[in-house]
Amino acid sequence: MKRIRVMRNVLLSVIGILVAESLHAGTNTVYNFLRLDVGARAAGMAGSFVSVMEDPNAIFYNPAGLSTLQSSMASVGFFKHLLDINSGYLSYSQALDNIGYFGAGIVYTNYGSFDRRDELGNADGTFSAGDVALVLGYANLLEENLYYGANVKFIYSSIADYASSGLAADVGILYNIPESRVSIGASIRNLGAQLTSYADTKEDLPVDVVVGGSIVPRGLPLLLNVNFHKLNEDADDIGDRFRAFTVGGEFTLSKVLQIRVGYDNEKRKDLKIGTSAELTGFSGGVGINVNGYKVDYALSSFGEIGSLHRISIGTSF
């Protein structure tokens, strides 16, 4: 009966999350850097991370995951995007006795330097553009094996002489079934609004409703994740409703080495050029654990457009 009650609560929570469809984030949104994958581990599995446990970067995907940390943990990473675009992050999480689990993070993107031109096309110096988000999170145990969490985030973006700021929140739940080695997660990310806009018109934030699950099949050293993203966005049919899905796998070959693969269906469909998609939407990575430090690397393919490289370093205290 207790398990039935817990599962009922989980299902009600998921239904409540799906009701967020009424939010209808528009197709033209601001602060889209918030959609980028953060850590190399998550990127290697194509962003299938809403139900992953014991990782400080859960704060960027599902804050409820902070409740599953066994110790204080920190992670830092760098992301080499296309052209001159670079990004990075820092995260830290710890438990406070009888209070709960707290996390903090920062993620930034620098778009490089651009030539400024006047109305006649004459050179007029240079300008830059960048984004940054500061995140504070809290998570705790609701009842046995059921976790909840929430973030608040302050967002700042600038381009040349223009700037914008925003305030947003993330909420999430995570349910773990230890005997089945299954976890189920759901989150709503980037609920909020612009505080100040670049010009006179305020834009929507990139709200994202994500639901997914993880399983460790018996007899296999494999963590398998499946996530469905953008469930709040409009769709013409059932196929379009679930086209934004990702699948990720993490193979633990030893205490030292992990290999990861991932597939992003939406990226593969949207970034296909002509009849050739090459490896668009596929990703891969490796994790190495040495002397208490974990070094992760990920490569994400955009096909003919190029590839994205990420590296992260994490440790526990």
C-alpha atoms as a PDB file:
ATOM      1  CA  MET A   1       0.000   0.000   0.000  1.00  0.00           C
ATOM      2  CA  LYS A   2       2.814   2.373   0.806  1.00  0.00           C
ATOM      3  CA  ARG A   3       4.405   1.880  -2.612  1.00  0.00           C
ATOM      4  CA  ILE A   4       1.023   2.441  -4.273  1.00  0.00           C
ATOM      5  CA  ARG A   5       0.618   5.679  -2.333  1.00  0.00           C
ATOM      6  CA  VAL A   6       4.077   6.863  -3.340  1.00  0.00           C
ATOM      7  CA  MET A   7       3.497   5.995  -6.987  1.00  0.00           C
ATOM      8  CA  ARG A   8       0.160   7.814  -6.860  1.00  0.00           C
ATOM      9  CA  ASN A   9       1.894  10.919  -5.549  1.00  0.00           C
ATOM     10  CA  VAL A  10       4.494  10.673  -8.293  1.00  0.00           C
ATOM     11  CA  LEU A  11       1.873  10.327 -10.997  1.00  0.00           C
ATOM     12  CA  LEU A  12      -0.076  13.281  -9.637  1.00  0.00           C
ATOM     13  CA  SER A  13       3.088  15.354  -9.614  1.00  0.00           C
ATOM     14  CA  VAL A  14       3.879  14.412 -13.199  1.00  0.00           C
ATOM     15  CA  ILE A  15       0.333  15.276 -14.252  1.00  0.00           C
ATOM     16  CA  GLY A  16       0.736  18.618 -12.531  1.00  0.00           C
ATOM     17  CA  ILE A  17       3.929  19.220 -14.450  1.00  0.00           C
ATOM     18  CA  LEU A  18       2.286  18.387 -17.748  1.00  0.00           C
ATOM     19  CA  VAL A  19      -0.425  20.927 -16.966  1.00  0.00           C
ATOM     20  CA  ALA A  20       2.355  23.451 -17.548  1.00  0.00           C
ATOM     21  CA  GLU A  21       1.382  23.168 -21.211  1.00  0.00           C
ATOM     22  CA  SER A  22      -0.829  26.110 -20.467  1.00  0.00           C
ATOM     23  CA  LEU A  23       2.358  28.150 -20.113  1.00  0.00           C
ATOM     24  CA  HIS A  24       3.051  27.709 -23.839  1.00  0.00           C
ATOM     25  CA  ALA A  25       6.544  29.101 -24.157  1.00  0.00           C
ATOM     26  CA  GLY A  26       6.679  30.857 -27.504  1.00  0.00           C
ATOM     27  CA  THR A  27       8.910  29.768 -30.345  1.00  0.00           C
ATOM     28  CA  ASN A  28      10.715  33.112 -30.158  1.00  0.00           C
ATOM     29  CA  THR A  29      12.349  33.079 -26.767  1.00  0.00           C
ATOM     30  CA  VAL A  30      15.165  34.922 -25.061  1.00  0.00           C
ATOM     31  CA  TYR A  31      18.145  33.516 -23.072  1.00  0.00           C
ATOM     32  CA  ASN A  32      18.334  30.399 -25.217  1.00  0.00           C
ATOM     33  CA  PHE A  33      21.784  29.629 -23.787  1.00  0.00           C
ATOM     34  CA  LEU A  34      19.799  28.104 -20.910  1.00  0.00           C
ATOM     35  CA  ARG A  35      18.871  25.239 -23.259  1.00  0.00           C
ATOM     36  CA  LEU A  36      22.508  24.211 -23.764  1.00  0.00           C
ATOM     37  CA  ASP A  37      23.851  21.135 -22.030  1.00  0.00           C
ATOM     38  CA  VAL A  38      26.179  21.992 -19.195  1.00  0.00           C
ATOM     39  CA  GLY A  39      28.450  19.203 -17.941  1.00  0.00           C
ATOM     40  CA  ALA A  40      30.385  16.857 -20.232  1.00  0.00           C
ATOM     41  CA  ARG A  41      28.781  13.805 -18.639  1.00  0.00           C
ATOM     42  CA  ALA A  42      25.284  15.018 -19.500  1.00  0.00           C
ATOM     43  CA  ALA A  43      26.335  16.138 -22.983  1.00  0.00           C
ATOM     44  CA  GLY A  44      27.881  12.746 -23.727  1.00  0.00           C
ATOM     45  CA  MET A  45      24.431  11.252 -23.113  1.00  0.00           C
ATOM     46  CA  ALA A  46      22.720  13.911 -25.284  1.00  0.00           C
ATOM     47  CA  GLY A  47      21.243  15.741 -22.309  1.00  0.00           C
ATOM     48  CA  SER A  48      19.295  12.742 -20.964  1.00  0.00           C
ATOM     49  CA  PHE A  49      19.788  13.794 -17.363  1.00  0.00           C
ATOM     50  CA  VAL A  50      16.460  14.557 -15.695  1.00  0.00           C
ATOM     51  CA  SER A  51      16.462  11.276 -13.732  1.00  0.00           C
ATOM     52  CA  VAL A  52      20.216  10.944 -13.078  1.00  0.00           C
ATOM     53  CA  MET A  53      21.275  10.686  -9.440  1.00  0.00           C
ATOM     54  CA  GLU A  54      24.400  11.582  -7.446  1.00  0.00           C
ATOM     55  CA  ASP A  55      25.727  14.325  -9.708  1.00  0.00           C
ATOM     56  CA  PRO A  56      26.112  18.005  -8.663  1.00  0.00           C
ATOM     57  CA  ASN A  57      25.168  19.123 -12.187  1.00  0.00           C
ATOM     58  CA  ALA A  58      21.648  17.862 -11.534  1.00  0.00           C
ATOM     59  CA  ILE A  59      21.046  21.448 -10.417  1.00  0.00           C
ATOM     60  CA  PHE A  60      20.976  22.437 -14.096  1.00  0.00           C
ATOM     61  CA  TYR A  61      18.570  19.655 -15.148  1.00  0.00           C
ATOM     62  CA  ASN A  62      16.428  18.600 -12.189  1.00  0.00           C
ATOM     63  CA  PRO A  63      17.162  20.170  -8.786  1.00  0.00           C
ATOM     64  CA  ALA A  64      15.497  17.215  -7.030  1.00  0.00           C
ATOM     65  CA  GLY A  65      18.608  15.203  -7.920  1.00  0.00           C
ATOM     66  CA  LEU A  66      20.632  17.164  -5.360  1.00  0.00           C
ATOM     67  CA  SER A  67      18.909  15.131  -2.634  1.00  0.00           C
ATOM     68  CA  THR A  68      20.651  11.962  -3.841  1.00  0.00           C
ATOM     69  CA  LEU A  69      24.225  13.204  -3.270  1.00  0.00           C
ATOM     70  CA  GLN A  70      26.174  11.102  -0.795  1.00  0.00           C
ATOM     71  CA  SER A  71      28.709  13.859  -0.054  1.00  0.00           C
ATOM     72  CA  SER A  72      29.513  17.460  -0.885  1.00  0.00           C
ATOM     73  CA  MET A  73      30.471  17.706  -4.548  1.00  0.00           C
ATOM     74  CA  ALA A  74      31.812  20.325  -6.957  1.00  0.00           C
ATOM     75  CA  SER A  75      32.218  20.441 -10.717  1.00  0.00           C
ATOM     76  CA  VAL A  76      33.714  22.888 -13.196  1.00  0.00           C
ATOM     77  CA  GLY A  77      33.707  22.739 -16.968  1.00  0.00           C
ATOM     78  CA  PHE A  78      34.465  24.398 -20.282  1.00  0.00           C
ATOM     79  CA  PHE A  79      32.516  24.192 -23.527  1.00  0.00           C
ATOM     80  CA  LYS A  80      33.972  24.940 -26.979  1.00  0.00           C
ATOM     81  CA  HIS A  81      31.091  25.868 -29.247  1.00  0.00           C
ATOM     82  CA  LEU A  82      31.077  26.655 -32.958  1.00  0.00           C
ATOM     83  CA  LEU A  83      33.020  29.656 -34.295  1.00  0.00           C
ATOM     84  CA  ASP A  84      34.392  31.754 -31.399  1.00  0.00           C
ATOM     85  CA  ILE A  85      31.612  30.921 -28.939  1.00  0.00           C
ATOM     86  CA  ASN A  86      32.809  29.580 -25.589  1.00  0.00           C
ATOM     87  CA  SER A  87      30.914  28.609 -22.472  1.00  0.00           C
ATOM     88  CA  GLY A  88      31.649  27.366 -18.978  1.00  0.00           C
ATOM     89  CA  TYR A  89      30.085  26.530 -15.633  1.00  0.00           C
ATOM     90  CA  LEU A  90      30.759  25.929 -11.954  1.00  0.00           C
ATOM     91  CA  SER A  91      28.542  23.979  -9.550  1.00  0.00           C
ATOM     92  CA  TYR A  92      28.675  23.016  -5.880  1.00  0.00           C
ATOM     93  CA  SER A  93      26.251  21.091  -3.677  1.00  0.00           C
ATOM     94  CA  GLN A  94      26.168  19.938  -0.059  1.00  0.00           C
ATOM     95  CA  ALA A  95      23.787  18.735   2.631  1.00  0.00           C
ATOM     96  CA  LEU A  96      23.016  20.671   5.811  1.00  0.00           C
ATOM     97  CA  ASP A  97      21.903  18.532   8.753  1.00  0.00           C
ATOM     98  CA  ASN A  98      18.161  18.537   9.361  1.00  0.00           C
ATOM     99  CA  ILE A  99      17.632  21.253   6.742  1.00  0.00           C
ATOM    100  CA  GLY A 100      18.129  19.701   3.329  1.00  0.00           C
ATOM    101  CA  TYR A 101      20.441  19.858   0.349  1.00  0.00           C
ATOM    102  CA  PHE A 102      21.699  23.105  -1.131  1.00  0.00           C
ATOM    103  CA  GLY A 103      23.369  23.806  -4.438  1.00  0.00           C
ATOM    104  CA  ALA A 104      24.765  26.760  -6.336  1.00  0.00           C
ATOM    105  CA  GLY A 105      25.895  27.155  -9.897  1.00  0.00           C
ATOM    106  CA  ILE A 106      26.913  29.622 -12.525  1.00  0.00           C
ATOM    107  CA  VAL A 107      26.841  29.153 -16.282  1.00  0.00           C
ATOM    108  CA  TYR A 108      28.073  31.656 -18.846  1.00  0.00           C
ATOM    109  CA  THR A 109      28.432  31.998 -22.608  1.00  0.00           C
ATOM    110  CA  ASN A 110      30.761  34.382 -24.441  1.00  0.00           C
ATOM    111  CA  TYR A 111      29.990  34.961 -28.112  1.00  0.00           C
ATOM    112  CA  GLY A 112      33.293  36.608 -28.972  1.00  0.00           C
ATOM    113  CA  SER A 113      34.032  39.933 -30.600  1.00  0.00           C
ATOM    114  CA  PHE A 114      32.268  41.430 -33.625  1.00  0.00           C
ATOM    115  CA  ASP A 115      33.052  44.293 -36.001  1.00  0.00           C
ATOM    116  CA  ARG A 116      30.817  47.301 -35.511  1.00  0.00           C
ATOM    117  CA  ARG A 117      29.618  49.115 -38.652  1.00  0.00           C
ATOM    118  CA  ASP A 118      27.796  52.401 -39.077  1.00  0.00           C
ATOM    119  CA  GLU A 119      24.800  52.916 -41.354  1.00  0.00           C
ATOM    120  CA  LEU A 120      27.137  53.334 -44.346  1.00  0.00           C
ATOM    121  CA  GLY A 121      29.033  50.134 -43.626  1.00  0.00           C
ATOM    122  CA  ASN A 122      32.157  51.862 -42.351  1.00  0.00           C
ATOM    123  CA  ALA A 123      34.189  50.221 -39.588  1.00  0.00           C
ATOM    124  CA  ASP A 124      33.349  51.646 -36.173  1.00  0.00           C
ATOM    125  CA  GLY A 125      35.281  49.533 -33.682  1.00  0.00           C
ATOM    126  CA  THR A 126      34.120  46.258 -32.173  1.00  0.00           C
ATOM    127  CA  PHE A 127      31.537  45.007 -29.718  1.00  0.00           C
ATOM    128  CA  SER A 128      30.977  41.817 -27.712  1.00  0.00           C
ATOM    129  CA  ALA A 129      28.054  39.755 -26.425  1.00  0.00           C
ATOM    130  CA  GLY A 130      27.580  37.363 -23.529  1.00  0.00           C
ATOM    131  CA  ASP A 131      25.136  35.645 -21.187  1.00  0.00           C
ATOM    132  CA  VAL A 132      25.375  34.542 -17.569  1.00  0.00           C
ATOM    133  CA  ALA A 133      23.005  32.819 -15.118  1.00  0.00           C
ATOM    134  CA  LEU A 134      23.435  32.454 -11.350  1.00  0.00           C
ATOM    135  CA  VAL A 135      21.556  29.511  -9.816  1.00  0.00           C
ATOM    136  CA  LEU A 136      20.662  28.678  -6.206  1.00  0.00           C
ATOM    137  CA  GLY A 137      18.934  25.379  -5.465  1.00  0.00           C
ATOM    138  CA  TYR A 138      17.325  23.491  -2.598  1.00  0.00           C
ATOM    139  CA  ALA A 139      16.201  19.856  -2.462  1.00  0.00           C
ATOM    140  CA  ASN A 140      14.961  17.393   0.118  1.00  0.00           C
ATOM    141  CA  LEU A 141      13.239  14.077   0.696  1.00  0.00           C
ATOM    142  CA  LEU A 142       9.443  14.236   0.491  1.00  0.00           C
ATOM    143  CA  GLU A 143       8.956  10.639   1.585  1.00  0.00           C
ATOM    144  CA  GLU A 144      10.841   7.389   1.109  1.00  0.00           C
ATOM    145  CA  ASN A 145      12.624   7.371  -2.273  1.00  0.00           C
ATOM    146  CA  LEU A 146      10.713  10.466  -3.449  1.00  0.00           C
ATOM    147  CA  TYR A 147      12.674  13.708  -3.769  1.00  0.00           C
ATOM    148  CA  TYR A 148      11.771  17.278  -4.686  1.00  0.00           C
ATOM    149  CA  GLY A 149      13.782  20.364  -5.519  1.00  0.00           C
ATOM    150  CA  ALA A 150      13.617  23.943  -6.748  1.00  0.00           C
ATOM    151  CA  ASN A 151      15.982  26.577  -8.115  1.00  0.00           C
ATOM    152  CA  VAL A 152      15.924  30.313  -8.456  1.00  0.00           C
ATOM    153  CA  LYS A 153      18.137  31.879 -11.095  1.00  0.00           C
ATOM    154  CA  PHE A 154      19.155  35.394 -12.033  1.00  0.00           C
ATOM    155  CA  ILE A 155      19.947  35.890 -15.713  1.00  0.00           C
ATOM    156  CA  TYR A 156      21.909  38.678 -17.370  1.00  0.00           C
ATOM    157  CA  SER A 157      22.562  39.103 -21.076  1.00  0.00           C
ATOM    158  CA  SER A 158      24.298  41.823 -23.061  1.00  0.00           C
ATOM    159  CA  ILE A 159      25.100  42.665 -26.654  1.00  0.00           C
ATOM    160  CA  ALA A 160      26.975  45.837 -27.555  1.00  0.00           C
ATOM    161  CA  ASP A 161      25.277  48.720 -25.706  1.00  0.00           C
ATOM    162  CA  TYR A 162      22.130  46.758 -24.912  1.00  0.00           C
ATOM    163  CA  ALA A 163      21.435  44.548 -21.902  1.00  0.00           C
ATOM    164  CA  SER A 164      18.635  42.477 -20.419  1.00  0.00           C
ATOM    165  CA  SER A 165      18.021  40.741 -17.101  1.00  0.00           C
ATOM    166  CA  GLY A 166      15.577  38.097 -15.976  1.00  0.00           C
ATOM    167  CA  LEU A 167      14.449  36.017 -13.025  1.00  0.00           C
ATOM    168  CA  ALA A 168      13.432  32.368 -13.340  1.00  0.00           C
ATOM    169  CA  ALA A 169      12.743  29.214 -11.362  1.00  0.00           C
ATOM    170  CA  ASP A 170      13.107  25.472 -11.901  1.00  0.00           C
ATOM    171  CA  VAL A 171      11.095  22.806 -10.068  1.00  0.00           C
ATOM    172  CA  GLY A 172      11.487  19.052 -10.188  1.00  0.00           C
ATOM    173  CA  ILE A 173      10.707  15.669  -8.675  1.00  0.00           C
ATOM    174  CA  LEU A 174      12.624  12.404  -8.686  1.00  0.00           C
ATOM    175  CA  TYR A 175      11.428   8.956  -7.646  1.00  0.00           C
ATOM    176  CA  ASN A 176      13.869   6.096  -7.127  1.00  0.00           C
ATOM    177  CA  ILE A 177      12.948   2.395  -7.062  1.00  0.00           C
ATOM    178  CA  PRO A 178      16.117   0.765  -5.645  1.00  0.00           C
ATOM    179  CA  GLU A 179      15.014  -2.866  -5.985  1.00  0.00           C
ATOM    180  CA  SER A 180      14.275  -2.347  -9.695  1.00  0.00           C
ATOM    181  CA  ARG A 181      17.245  -0.016 -10.216  1.00  0.00           C
ATOM    182  CA  VAL A 182      14.901   2.480 -11.874  1.00  0.00           C
ATOM    183  CA  SER A 183      14.494   6.222 -11.350  1.00  0.00           C
ATOM    184  CA  ILE A 184      11.841   8.535 -12.797  1.00  0.00           C
ATOM    185  CA  GLY A 185      12.244  12.287 -13.007  1.00  0.00           C
ATOM    186  CA  ALA A 186      10.362  15.355 -14.211  1.00  0.00           C
ATOM    187  CA  SER A 187      11.220  19.030 -14.208  1.00  0.00           C
ATOM    188  CA  ILE A 188      10.033  22.406 -15.413  1.00  0.00           C
ATOM    189  CA  ARG A 189      12.904  24.715 -16.257  1.00  0.00           C
ATOM    190  CA  ASN A 190      13.084  28.473 -16.770  1.00  0.00           C
ATOM    191  CA  LEU A 191       9.719  29.539 -15.409  1.00  0.00           C
ATOM    192  CA  GLY A 192       9.950  33.300 -15.162  1.00  0.00           C
ATOM    193  CA  ALA A 193      10.152  36.581 -17.017  1.00  0.00           C
ATOM    194  CA  GLN A 194      12.444  39.349 -18.139  1.00  0.00           C
ATOM    195  CA  LEU A 195      12.988  42.069 -15.574  1.00  0.00           C
ATOM    196  CA  THR A 196      14.454  44.391 -18.179  1.00  0.00           C
ATOM    197  CA  SER A 197      14.472  43.899 -21.943  1.00  0.00           C
ATOM    198  CA  TYR A 198      16.933  44.842 -24.665  1.00  0.00           C
ATOM    199  CA  ALA A 199      14.428  47.238 -26.178  1.00  0.00           C
ATOM    200  CA  ASP A 200      10.760  48.043 -25.575  1.00  0.00           C
ATOM    201  CA  THR A 201       9.349  44.521 -25.984  1.00  0.00           C
ATOM    202  CA  LYS A 202       9.731  41.793 -23.382  1.00  0.00           C
ATOM    203  CA  GLU A 203      10.145  38.226 -24.625  1.00  0.00           C
ATOM    204  CA  ASP A 204       9.295  34.783 -23.252  1.00  0.00           C
ATOM    205  CA  LEU A 205      11.845  32.623 -21.471  1.00  0.00           C
ATOM    206  CA  PRO A 206      12.666  29.155 -22.907  1.00  0.00           C
ATOM    207  CA  VAL A 207      10.376  27.160 -20.611  1.00  0.00           C
ATOM    208  CA  ASP A 208      11.049  23.438 -20.931  1.00  0.00           C
ATOM    209  CA  VAL A 209       8.995  20.589 -19.462  1.00  0.00           C
ATOM    210  CA  VAL A 210      11.050  17.393 -19.317  1.00  0.00           C
ATOM    211  CA  VAL A 211      10.031  13.885 -18.222  1.00  0.00           C
ATOM    212  CA  GLY A 212      12.310  10.855 -18.271  1.00  0.00           C
ATOM    213  CA  GLY A 213      13.576   7.710 -16.667  1.00  0.00           C
ATOM    214  CA  SER A 214      16.749   5.754 -15.990  1.00  0.00           C
ATOM    215  CA  ILE A 215      17.403   2.065 -15.533  1.00  0.00           C
ATOM    216  CA  VAL A 216      20.413  -0.094 -14.764  1.00  0.00           C
ATOM    217  CA  PRO A 217      19.580  -3.438 -16.439  1.00  0.00           C
ATOM    218  CA  ARG A 218      20.458  -6.426 -14.289  1.00  0.00           C
ATOM    219  CA  GLY A 219      23.693  -8.061 -15.322  1.00  0.00           C
ATOM    220  CA  LEU A 220      24.853  -5.078 -17.394  1.00  0.00           C
ATOM    221  CA  PRO A 221      27.262  -2.282 -16.360  1.00  0.00           C
ATOM    222  CA  LEU A 222      24.973   0.204 -18.110  1.00  0.00           C
ATOM    223  CA  LEU A 223      22.982   3.259 -17.061  1.00  0.00           C
ATOM    224  CA  LEU A 224      20.302   3.829 -19.718  1.00  0.00           C
ATOM    225  CA  ASN A 225      18.389   7.129 -19.817  1.00  0.00           C
ATOM    226  CA  VAL A 226      15.432   8.295 -21.928  1.00  0.00           C
ATOM    227  CA  ASN A 227      14.106  11.867 -21.747  1.00  0.00           C
ATOM    228  CA  PHE A 228      11.249  13.700 -23.454  1.00  0.00           C
ATOM    229  CA  HIS A 229      11.842  17.444 -23.762  1.00  0.00           C
ATOM    230  CA  LYS A 230       9.703  20.486 -24.678  1.00  0.00           C
ATOM    231  CA  LEU A 231       6.445  18.801 -23.699  1.00  0.00           C
ATOM    232  CA  ASN A 232       4.973  22.268 -23.096  1.00  0.00           C
ATOM    233  CA  GLU A 233       5.366  23.401 -26.700  1.00  0.00           C
ATOM    234  CA  ASP A 234       2.656  23.319 -29.354  1.00  0.00           C
ATOM    235  CA  ALA A 235       2.530  20.297 -31.655  1.00  0.00           C
ATOM    236  CA  ASP A 236       0.433  19.410 -34.709  1.00  0.00           C
ATOM    237  CA  ASP A 237       0.203  15.699 -33.914  1.00  0.00           C
ATOM    238  CA  ILE A 238       1.370  13.016 -31.492  1.00  0.00           C
ATOM    239  CA  GLY A 239       4.556  12.464 -33.470  1.00  0.00           C
ATOM    240  CA  ASP A 240       5.581  16.106 -33.166  1.00  0.00           C
ATOM    241  CA  ARG A 241       4.627  16.104 -29.495  1.00  0.00           C
ATOM    242  CA  PHE A 242       7.348  13.569 -28.673  1.00  0.00           C
ATOM    243  CA  ARG A 243       9.924  14.348 -31.397  1.00  0.00           C
ATOM    244  CA  ALA A 244      12.188  16.135 -28.911  1.00  0.00           C
ATOM    245  CA  PHE A 245      13.486  13.030 -27.170  1.00  0.00           C
ATOM    246  CA  THR A 246      16.983  12.010 -26.170  1.00  0.00           C
ATOM    247  CA  VAL A 247      18.527   8.664 -25.315  1.00  0.00           C
ATOM    248  CA  GLY A 248      21.777   8.226 -23.428  1.00  0.00           C
ATOM    249  CA  GLY A 249      23.852   5.331 -22.186  1.00  0.00           C
ATOM    250  CA  GLU A 250      26.769   5.169 -19.760  1.00  0.00           C
ATOM    251  CA  PHE A 251      28.891   2.008 -19.708  1.00  0.00           C
ATOM    252  CA  THR A 252      31.000   1.500 -16.579  1.00  0.00           C
ATOM    253  CA  LEU A 253      33.970  -0.544 -17.770  1.00  0.00           C
ATOM    254  CA  SER A 254      35.892  -0.314 -14.483  1.00  0.00           C
ATOM    255  CA  LYS A 255      36.228   1.834 -11.386  1.00  0.00           C
ATOM    256  CA  VAL A 256      38.367   4.155 -13.475  1.00  0.00           C
ATOM    257  CA  LEU A 257      36.705   4.285 -16.904  1.00  0.00           C
ATOM    258  CA  GLN A 258      33.234   5.051 -18.267  1.00  0.00           C
ATOM    259  CA  ILE A 259      32.113   5.330 -21.892  1.00  0.00           C
ATOM    260  CA  ARG A 260      29.018   7.296 -22.942  1.00  0.00           C
ATOM    261  CA  VAL A 261      26.855   7.572 -26.043  1.00  0.00           C
ATOM    262  CA  GLY A 262      23.776   9.655 -26.791  1.00  0.00           C
ATOM    263  CA  TYR A 263      21.205  10.493 -29.432  1.00  0.00           C
ATOM    264  CA  ASP A 264      19.134  13.697 -29.780  1.00  0.00           C
ATOM    265  CA  ASN A 265      16.237  13.127 -32.170  1.00  0.00           C
ATOM    266  CA  GLU A 266      15.211  16.777 -32.479  1.00  0.00           C
ATOM    267  CA  LYS A 267      18.711  17.936 -33.403  1.00  0.00           C
ATOM    268  CA  ARG A 268      19.032  15.206 -36.001  1.00  0.00           C
ATOM    269  CA  LYS A 269      15.708  16.169 -37.611  1.00  0.00           C
ATOM    270  CA  ASP A 270      16.221  19.936 -37.489  1.00  0.00           C
ATOM    271  CA  LEU A 271      19.895  20.127 -38.506  1.00  0.00           C
ATOM    272  CA  LYS A 272      19.793  17.683 -41.403  1.00  0.00           C
ATOM    273  CA  ILE A 273      21.204  19.318 -44.537  1.00  0.00           C
ATOM    274  CA  GLY A 274      19.770  17.966 -47.783  1.00  0.00           C
ATOM    275  CA  THR A 275      19.680  14.195 -47.798  1.00  0.00           C
ATOM    276  CA  SER A 276      22.720  13.795 -45.566  1.00  0.00           C
ATOM    277  CA  ALA A 277      22.534  13.903 -41.785  1.00  0.00           C
ATOM    278  CA  GLU A 278      25.932  12.251 -41.124  1.00  0.00           C
ATOM    279  CA  LEU A 279      26.291  11.951 -37.330  1.00  0.00           C
ATOM    280  CA  THR A 280      24.063  14.919 -36.532  1.00  0.00           C
ATOM    281  CA  GLY A 281      22.377  14.442 -33.158  1.00  0.00           C
ATOM    282  CA  PHE A 282      24.802  11.792 -31.936  1.00  0.00           C
ATOM    283  CA  SER A 283      27.193  12.350 -29.070  1.00  0.00           C
ATOM    284  CA  GLY A 284      29.782  10.413 -27.158  1.00  0.00           C
ATOM    285  CA  GLY A 285      32.146  10.808 -24.282  1.00  0.00           C
ATOM    286  CA  VAL A 286      34.456   9.303 -21.738  1.00  0.00           C
ATOM    287  CA  GLY A 287      34.820   9.618 -17.971  1.00  0.00           C
ATOM    288  CA  ILE A 288      38.000   8.893 -16.018  1.00  0.00           C
ATOM    289  CA  ASN A 289      38.175   8.634 -12.223  1.00  0.00           C
ATOM    290  CA  VAL A 290      41.627   9.192 -10.762  1.00  0.00           C
ATOM    291  CA  ASN A 291      42.548   9.876  -7.122  1.00  0.00           C
ATOM    292  CA  GLY A 292      39.147  11.240  -6.190  1.00  0.00           C
ATOM    293  CA  TYR A 293      38.816  13.427  -9.284  1.00  0.00           C
ATOM    294  CA  LYS A 294      36.517  12.752 -12.204  1.00  0.00           C
ATOM    295  CA  VAL A 295      37.463  14.062 -15.629  1.00  0.00           C
ATOM    296  CA  ASP A 296      34.753  13.941 -18.319  1.00  0.00           C
ATOM    297  CA  TYR A 297      34.948  14.711 -22.019  1.00  0.00           C
ATOM    298  CA  ALA A 298      32.099  14.876 -24.557  1.00  0.00           C
ATOM    299  CA  LEU A 299      31.827  15.378 -28.300  1.00  0.00           C
ATOM    300  CA  SER A 300      28.461  16.359 -29.828  1.00  0.00           C
ATOM    301  CA  SER A 301      28.048  16.225 -33.592  1.00  0.00           C
ATOM    302  CA  PHE A 302      26.173  18.816 -35.661  1.00  0.00           C
ATOM    303  CA  GLY A 303      27.054  16.999 -38.885  1.00  0.00           C
ATOM    304  CA  GLU A 304      28.379  19.270 -41.621  1.00  0.00           C
ATOM    305  CA  ILE A 305      27.941  22.296 -39.352  1.00  0.00           C
ATOM    306  CA  GLY A 306      30.650  21.125 -36.967  1.00  0.00           C
ATOM    307  CA  SER A 307      31.213  19.494 -33.578  1.00  0.00           C
ATOM    308  CA  LEU A 308      31.023  20.704 -29.994  1.00  0.00           C
ATOM    309  CA  HIS A 309      33.608  19.801 -27.360  1.00  0.00           C
ATOM    310  CA  ARG A 310      33.131  19.836 -23.593  1.00  0.00           C
ATOM    311  CA  ILE A 311      35.385  18.968 -20.670  1.00  0.00           C
ATOM    312  CA  SER A 312      34.471  18.840 -16.976  1.00  0.00           C
ATOM    313  CA  ILE A 313      36.330  18.116 -13.762  1.00  0.00           C
ATOM    314  CA  GLY A 314      34.568  17.136 -10.558  1.00  0.00           C
ATOM    315  CA  THR A 315      35.361  15.945  -7.063  1.00  0.00           C
ATOM    316  CA  SER A 316      33.690  15.155  -3.741  1.00  0.00           C
ATOM    317  CA  PHE A 317      34.567  16.338  -0.222  1.00  0.00           C
END
